[in-house]
């Protein structure tokens, strides 16, 4: 049961990193769009 919880946390951590990367890319595009 403990191992399963660890797998779930790893999965959500990956998803969180993907979300952060998407936000960073969106911000970069917004900054580039100004120029």
PDB file of N, CA and C in Angstrom:
ATOM      1  N   UNK A   1       0.843  -1.205   0.000  1.00  0.00           N
ATOM      2  CA  UNK A   1       0.000   0.000   0.000  1.00  0.00           C
ATOM      3  C   UNK A   1       0.886   1.266   0.000  1.00  0.00           C
ATOM      4  N   UNK A   2       1.957   1.213   0.755  1.00  0.00           N
ATOM      5  CA  UNK A   2       2.854   2.370   0.810  1.00  0.00           C
ATOM      6  C   UNK A   2       3.511   2.596  -0.549  1.00  0.00           C
ATOM      7  N   UNK A   3       3.886   1.504  -1.199  1.00  0.00           N
ATOM      8  CA  UNK A   3       4.527   1.605  -2.513  1.00  0.00           C
ATOM      9  C   UNK A   3       3.574   2.234  -3.521  1.00  0.00           C
ATOM     10  N   UNK A   4       2.307   1.859  -3.460  1.00  0.00           N
ATOM     11  CA  UNK A   4       1.295   2.388  -4.383  1.00  0.00           C
ATOM     12  C   UNK A   4       1.161   3.900  -4.221  1.00  0.00           C
ATOM     13  N   UNK A   5       1.153   4.362  -2.968  1.00  0.00           N
ATOM     14  CA  UNK A   5       1.029   5.796  -2.701  1.00  0.00           C
ATOM     15  C   UNK A   5       2.230   6.526  -3.290  1.00  0.00           C
ATOM     16  N   UNK A   6       3.401   5.899  -3.217  1.00  0.00           N
ATOM     17  CA  UNK A   6       4.600   6.503  -3.779  1.00  0.00           C
ATOM     18  C   UNK A   6       4.478   6.656  -5.276  1.00  0.00           C
ATOM     19  N   UNK A   7       3.932   5.648  -5.941  1.00  0.00           N
ATOM     20  CA  UNK A   7       3.734   5.727  -7.393  1.00  0.00           C
ATOM     21  C   UNK A   7       2.774   6.861  -7.746  1.00  0.00           C
ATOM     22  N   UNK A   8       1.712   6.994  -6.971  1.00  0.00           N
ATOM     23  CA  UNK A   8       0.725   8.053  -7.238  1.00  0.00           C
ATOM     24  C   UNK A   8       1.364   9.429  -7.083  1.00  0.00           C
ATOM     25  N   UNK A   9       2.180   9.609  -6.048  1.00  0.00           N
ATOM     26  CA  UNK A   9       2.826  10.903  -5.814  1.00  0.00           C
ATOM     27  C   UNK A   9       3.778  11.227  -6.958  1.00  0.00           C
ATOM     28  N   UNK A  10       4.515  10.226  -7.426  1.00  0.00           N
ATOM     29  CA  UNK A  10       5.436  10.444  -8.537  1.00  0.00           C
ATOM     30  C   UNK A  10       4.668  10.877  -9.780  1.00  0.00           C
ATOM     31  N   UNK A  11       3.526  10.253 -10.021  1.00  0.00           N
ATOM     32  CA  UNK A  11       2.712  10.587 -11.186  1.00  0.00           C
ATOM     33  C   UNK A  11       2.199  12.013 -11.124  1.00  0.00           C
ATOM     34  N   UNK A  12       1.705  12.421  -9.961  1.00  0.00           N
ATOM     35  CA  UNK A  12       1.171  13.778  -9.835  1.00  0.00           C
ATOM     36  C   UNK A  12       2.303  14.796  -9.894  1.00  0.00           C
ATOM     37  N   UNK A  13       3.503  14.417  -9.424  1.00  0.00           N
ATOM     38  CA  UNK A  13       4.659  15.315  -9.482  1.00  0.00           C
ATOM     39  C   UNK A  13       5.031  15.575 -10.932  1.00  0.00           C
ATOM     40  N   UNK A  14       5.014  14.507 -11.741  1.00  0.00           N
ATOM     41  CA  UNK A  14       5.308  14.659 -13.178  1.00  0.00           C
ATOM     42  C   UNK A  14       4.273  15.566 -13.825  1.00  0.00           C
ATOM     43  N   UNK A  15       3.010  15.350 -13.503  1.00  0.00           N
ATOM     44  CA  UNK A  15       1.930  16.167 -14.082  1.00  0.00           C
ATOM     45  C   UNK A  15       2.112  17.628 -13.682  1.00  0.00           C
ATOM     46  N   UNK A  16       2.511  17.853 -12.426  1.00  0.00           N
ATOM     47  CA  UNK A  16       2.712  19.219 -11.943  1.00  0.00           C
ATOM     48  C   UNK A  16       3.840  19.887 -12.718  1.00  0.00           C
ATOM     49  N   UNK A  17       4.926  19.148 -12.956  1.00  0.00           N
ATOM     50  CA  UNK A  17       6.057  19.699 -13.705  1.00  0.00           C
ATOM     51  C   UNK A  17       5.648  20.030 -15.128  1.00  0.00           C
ATOM     52  N   UNK A  18       4.813  19.190 -15.733  1.00  0.00           N
ATOM     53  CA  UNK A  18       4.339  19.450 -17.098  1.00  0.00           C
ATOM     54  C   UNK A  18       3.509  20.732 -17.109  1.00  0.00           C
ATOM     55  N   UNK A  19       2.653  20.892 -16.101  1.00  0.00           N
ATOM     56  CA  UNK A  19       1.820  22.105 -16.009  1.00  0.00           C
ATOM     57  C   UNK A  19       2.701  23.342 -15.875  1.00  0.00           C
ATOM     58  N   UNK A  20       3.730  23.265 -15.020  1.00  0.00           N
ATOM     59  CA  UNK A  20       4.630  24.405 -14.821  1.00  0.00           C
ATOM     60  C   UNK A  20       5.364  24.724 -16.113  1.00  0.00           C
ATOM     61  N   UNK A  21       5.801  23.700 -16.829  1.00  0.00           N
ATOM     62  CA  UNK A  21       6.517  23.912 -18.091  1.00  0.00           C
ATOM     63  C   UNK A  21       5.601  24.604 -19.091  1.00  0.00           C
ATOM     64  N   UNK A  22       4.350  24.181 -19.143  1.00  0.00           N
ATOM     65  CA  UNK A  22       3.384  24.799 -20.070  1.00  0.00           C
ATOM     66  C   UNK A  22       3.198  26.276 -19.741  1.00  0.00           C
ATOM     67  N   UNK A  23       3.094  26.583 -18.448  1.00  0.00           N
ATOM     68  CA  UNK A  23       2.909  27.978 -18.036  1.00  0.00           C
ATOM     69  C   UNK A  23       4.127  28.804 -18.422  1.00  0.00           C
ATOM     70  N   UNK A  24       5.320  28.232 -18.231  1.00  0.00           N
ATOM     71  CA  UNK A  24       6.553  28.947 -18.580  1.00  0.00           C
ATOM     72  C   UNK A  24       6.595  29.233 -20.070  1.00  0.00           C
ATOM     73  N   UNK A  25       6.226  28.239 -20.872  1.00  0.00           N
ATOM     74  CA  UNK A  25       6.225  28.414 -22.332  1.00  0.00           C
ATOM     75  C   UNK A  25       5.220  29.495 -22.713  1.00  0.00           C
ATOM     76  N   UNK A  26       4.050  29.483 -22.090  1.00  0.00           N
ATOM     77  CA  UNK A  26       3.020  30.487 -22.388  1.00  0.00           C
ATOM     78  C   UNK A  26       3.529  31.884 -22.038  1.00  0.00           C
ATOM     79  N   UNK A  27       4.231  32.007 -20.910  1.00  0.00           N
ATOM     80  CA  UNK A  27       4.771  33.308 -20.503  1.00  0.00           C
ATOM     81  C   UNK A  27       5.835  33.765 -21.499  1.00  0.00           C
ATOM     82  N   UNK A  28       6.702  32.847 -21.925  1.00  0.00           N
ATOM     83  CA  UNK A  28       7.760  33.183 -22.888  1.00  0.00           C
ATOM     84  C   UNK A  28       7.130  33.680 -24.183  1.00  0.00           C
ATOM     85  N   UNK A  29       6.094  32.984 -24.649  1.00  0.00           N
ATOM     86  CA  UNK A  29       5.425  33.374 -25.894  1.00  0.00           C
ATOM     87  C   UNK A  29       4.787  34.753 -25.747  1.00  0.00           C
ATOM     88  N   UNK A  30       4.214  35.027 -24.579  1.00  0.00           N
ATOM     89  CA  UNK A  30       3.583  36.331 -24.338  1.00  0.00           C
ATOM     90  C   UNK A  30       4.635  37.435 -24.371  1.00  0.00           C
ATOM     91  N   UNK A  31       5.800  37.165 -23.775  1.00  0.00           N
ATOM     92  CA  UNK A  31       6.888  38.160 -23.765  1.00  0.00           C
ATOM     93  C   UNK A  31       7.401  38.377 -25.190  1.00  0.00           C
ATOM     94  N   UNK A  32       7.586  37.285 -25.925  1.00  0.00           N
ATOM     95  CA  UNK A  32       8.090  37.394 -27.302  1.00  0.00           C
ATOM     96  C   UNK A  32       7.081  38.105 -28.198  1.00  0.00           C
ATOM     97  N   UNK A  33       5.799  37.916 -27.912  1.00  0.00           N
ATOM     98  CA  UNK A  33       4.750  38.532 -28.743  1.00  0.00           C
ATOM     99  C   UNK A  33       4.782  40.058 -28.628  1.00  0.00           C
ATOM    100  N   UNK A  34       5.298  40.573 -27.526  1.00  0.00           N
ATOM    101  CA  UNK A  34       5.354  42.023 -27.333  1.00  0.00           C
ATOM    102  C   UNK A  34       6.345  42.681 -28.289  1.00  0.00           C
ATOM    103  N   UNK A  35       7.428  41.981 -28.590  1.00  0.00           N
ATOM    104  CA  UNK A  35       8.469  42.576 -29.430  1.00  0.00           C
ATOM    105  C   UNK A  35       8.153  42.513 -30.907  1.00  0.00           C
TER     106      UNK A  35
END
